[in-house]
């Protein structure tokens, strides 16, 4: 199965909240689910360039990338996607969503558990941010 790489930006505001976007219901994968901004590189584009371009296209923000903050996997029909999450900060711009997303929120890490997250973002959140969701049998 072919593997594709996707870069995602974990952007914090001055209050420690994270920018999350809700996918359009027309999306092929994870319609209506919450995720981090970002996407796949175009041919000939570096990984960091692609993350900056995708974030600008999806949010209107120009960002600075600082370091990696983990990975998550996703199975899509016909291929496997590895999402590399990068800590980023806003350099300039104003929030303007693309047609790929219909809503944005700035949320604190504990609030992530209340969102209906994309499969890969759910996996990432449980491993790196909020921890596993306890089973109903755990007491």
Protein backbone atom coordinates (compact mmCIF):
# COMPACT_ATOMS: atom_id res chain seq x y z
CA UNK A 1 0.00 0.00 0.00
CA UNK A 2 1.51 3.40 -0.96
CA UNK A 3 2.37 5.80 1.85
CA UNK A 4 1.74 9.54 1.73
CA UNK A 5 3.05 12.17 4.13
CA UNK A 6 0.88 14.96 5.52
CA UNK A 7 2.13 17.86 7.63
CA UNK A 8 -0.14 19.31 10.31
CA UNK A 9 0.34 22.44 12.39
CA UNK A 10 -0.36 22.49 16.11
CA UNK A 11 -0.86 26.23 16.55
CA UNK A 12 -1.22 27.67 20.05
CA UNK A 13 -2.56 31.14 20.79
CA UNK A 14 -1.34 33.41 23.62
CA UNK A 15 -3.84 31.73 26.00
CA UNK A 16 -2.59 28.20 25.34
CA UNK A 17 -5.54 27.23 23.13
CA UNK A 18 -5.12 25.18 19.94
CA UNK A 19 -6.58 26.08 16.55
CA UNK A 20 -8.81 23.30 15.20
CA UNK A 21 -10.85 23.24 11.99
CA UNK A 22 -14.02 21.32 11.15
CA UNK A 23 -13.97 19.60 7.76
CA UNK A 24 -16.70 20.19 5.23
CA UNK A 25 -19.43 17.54 5.00
CA UNK A 26 -18.33 17.13 1.35
CA UNK A 27 -14.87 15.89 2.37
CA UNK A 28 -13.92 12.44 1.09
CA UNK A 29 -12.41 11.43 4.41
CA UNK A 30 -13.59 12.41 7.88
CA UNK A 31 -16.47 14.66 6.72
CA UNK A 32 -17.65 17.05 9.43
CA UNK A 33 -14.81 16.05 11.80
CA UNK A 34 -12.34 18.32 13.60
CA UNK A 35 -8.65 18.37 12.71
CA UNK A 36 -5.49 20.46 12.67
CA UNK A 37 -4.68 22.61 9.62
CA UNK A 38 -2.24 21.22 7.06
CA UNK A 39 -1.98 18.72 4.26
CA UNK A 40 0.18 16.94 1.70
CA UNK A 41 3.13 18.36 -0.25
CA UNK A 42 2.84 19.21 -3.94
CA UNK A 43 5.46 17.70 -6.28
CA UNK A 44 8.82 19.46 -5.84
CA UNK A 45 7.75 21.19 -2.62
CA UNK A 46 9.64 20.70 0.64
CA UNK A 47 7.78 19.31 3.62
CA UNK A 48 7.99 22.55 5.63
CA UNK A 49 6.98 24.63 2.57
CA UNK A 50 3.92 22.44 2.15
CA UNK A 51 2.86 22.88 5.78
CA UNK A 52 3.24 26.66 5.53
CA UNK A 53 1.29 26.74 2.22
CA UNK A 54 -1.49 24.48 3.47
CA UNK A 55 -1.92 26.47 6.69
CA UNK A 56 -2.00 29.74 4.75
CA UNK A 57 -4.59 28.33 2.31
CA UNK A 58 -6.76 26.85 5.07
CA UNK A 59 -6.53 29.60 7.69
CA UNK A 60 -5.05 32.81 6.24
CA UNK A 61 -2.16 32.61 8.72
CA UNK A 62 1.54 32.70 7.85
CA UNK A 63 3.32 30.52 10.38
CA UNK A 64 6.74 29.79 11.80
CA UNK A 65 7.48 26.10 12.35
CA UNK A 66 9.39 25.21 15.53
CA UNK A 67 9.69 21.42 15.96
CA UNK A 68 7.87 18.14 15.53
CA UNK A 69 5.33 17.03 18.10
CA UNK A 70 4.47 13.49 17.09
CA UNK A 71 2.77 11.48 14.38
CA UNK A 72 -0.51 9.76 13.61
CA UNK A 73 -1.57 7.22 10.98
CA UNK A 74 -4.61 7.07 8.75
CA UNK A 75 -5.87 4.40 6.38
CA UNK A 76 -7.52 5.87 3.28
CA UNK A 77 -8.86 3.84 0.37
CA UNK A 78 -5.81 2.71 -1.57
CA UNK A 79 -3.11 4.29 0.57
CA UNK A 80 -1.73 4.94 4.05
CA UNK A 81 -1.21 8.52 5.35
CA UNK A 82 1.36 9.42 7.99
CA UNK A 83 0.54 12.76 9.62
CA UNK A 84 3.55 14.59 11.07
CA UNK A 85 2.42 17.19 13.58
CA UNK A 86 4.57 20.30 13.98
CA UNK A 87 4.44 22.98 16.67
CA UNK A 88 3.90 26.32 14.93
CA UNK A 89 3.20 29.93 15.79
CA UNK A 90 1.41 32.64 13.85
CA UNK A 91 3.72 35.13 12.19
CA UNK A 92 1.03 37.21 10.45
CA UNK A 93 -2.36 37.14 8.78
CA UNK A 94 -5.98 37.00 9.79
CA UNK A 95 -8.23 33.99 10.08
CA UNK A 96 -10.00 33.16 6.81
CA UNK A 97 -11.19 29.59 6.25
CA UNK A 98 -10.91 27.86 2.87
CA UNK A 99 -13.83 25.89 1.43
CA UNK A 100 -12.27 22.68 2.86
CA UNK A 101 -13.45 23.68 6.34
CA UNK A 102 -16.68 25.15 7.67
CA UNK A 103 -15.78 26.16 11.22
CA UNK A 104 -12.85 26.92 13.49
CA UNK A 105 -12.34 26.96 17.24
CA UNK A 106 -9.57 27.81 19.66
CA UNK A 107 -9.77 25.08 22.31
CA UNK A 108 -7.87 24.15 25.43
CA UNK A 109 -6.35 20.66 25.41
CA UNK A 110 -8.97 19.14 27.79
CA UNK A 111 -11.74 20.41 25.46
CA UNK A 112 -10.41 18.26 22.60
CA UNK A 113 -12.14 15.25 24.14
CA UNK A 114 -15.50 16.96 23.52
CA UNK A 115 -14.93 17.29 19.77
CA UNK A 116 -15.79 14.74 17.08
CA UNK A 117 -12.21 14.44 15.78
CA UNK A 118 -10.91 13.03 12.50
CA UNK A 119 -9.64 9.46 12.94
CA UNK A 120 -5.95 10.41 12.77
CA UNK A 121 -6.46 13.45 15.06
CA UNK A 122 -8.32 11.29 17.58
CA UNK A 123 -5.37 8.89 17.59
CA UNK A 124 -2.87 11.74 17.98
CA UNK A 125 -4.89 13.42 20.74
CA UNK A 126 -5.13 10.25 22.78
CA UNK A 127 -1.41 9.50 22.52
CA UNK A 128 0.11 12.98 22.85
CA UNK A 129 -2.42 15.46 24.25
CA UNK A 130 -5.33 14.22 26.36
CA UNK A 131 -4.52 10.58 26.98
CA UNK A 132 -6.63 7.52 26.26
CA UNK A 133 -10.34 7.68 26.81
CA UNK A 134 -11.13 5.40 29.78
CA UNK A 135 -13.36 2.44 28.98
CA UNK A 136 -16.79 2.38 30.65
CA UNK A 137 -15.67 -0.74 32.57
CA UNK A 138 -12.71 1.05 34.18
CA UNK A 139 -13.50 2.08 37.71
